[in-house]
């Protein structure tokens, strides 16, 4: 306990300034009932460790509470000693690093910001993105596959994006076509004041965020628990160029929505599904690539089959190839 941290049980450790809720609850019960069975505190040894409970002198099977005024005084004293120890430790660290900071060559190399940093954990990723957005001076470019959490849009996305817009920056966001019918997303952008534009494509890249064309964030794992913070100019420039190319191909959704064009009774979404079918992808892969749930993807496949008069999956692929509905895609490629 010399460092101010009380290791009191496996999975249950904290200092006096971080008294746990369960401990306070049991201590309150002891005050109300004047004593409690010793076995009731076995999972909360912090009460004995901090001296808030002590064995009954007449029967050690029972524990009696220390008077709250005395307990508070003891805890405050221990907390003060803990703070003093930490400050002493900080002073020693500062003293040790003073001569190192005086070495100009080393200081300059250490001060350099890494080109690529792996961020682990949602909190650290969120903090890094928030800090970078708050430093933005020009624009925010984002690619968002799938849906965004309505709660995070309201509690995190809205205030961050509005602060950025209030500084005169602009926002350009790419979603998948499936988002055009998401009233929550539309409502989010309607709440923002500033230069905001949103466009959609049938298929987009994985999540991407670029700030001022100088910093980019990419997911490093499928569950997005890891991310890359990229400051390497060539890489960020490449990612920004990819965004620009996708943006030029996308259909406006906000502030003025443009109807996604349809040709020969085949919608762009059905054409995208047709292309993936010809490439041999399963329904699950098609749904994931286009941001659809599996039931919706199969419904579109069924409509496409009915439109072309197909009676089987194999025949559908043949009819798609013969119909010429992918000619526009071939020309683009």
Foldseek 3Di string as FASTA:
>chain_A
DVLQKDPFDVVDIGGLVCDDPVLVVVLVVLVVVQKDFPVVCPVPCVCVVLPQWDADPVHSRMIGGDPPVVSVVSSVVSVVVNVVSVVVVVVVVVVVCVVVCVPVVVVVVVPDDDQKDKDAAPVRVLVVVLVLLLVFQAEKEKEAEADDDLVCLVPPVLVSVQSSQVNVYAYEYEYAPVCLPVVSVVVSVVVHDHHYWYWHHQFDDHIKMAGPLQWIKDQPDPVSRMIMIGRDNVVSNVVVVVSVVVVVVTATRPPDGDDQDDDPNAGNNLLQLLVVLLVPDDLVVSCNRRNHDSVVSVVSVVVQCVVQVHDDSVVSNVSSVVVCSCVVVVVVD
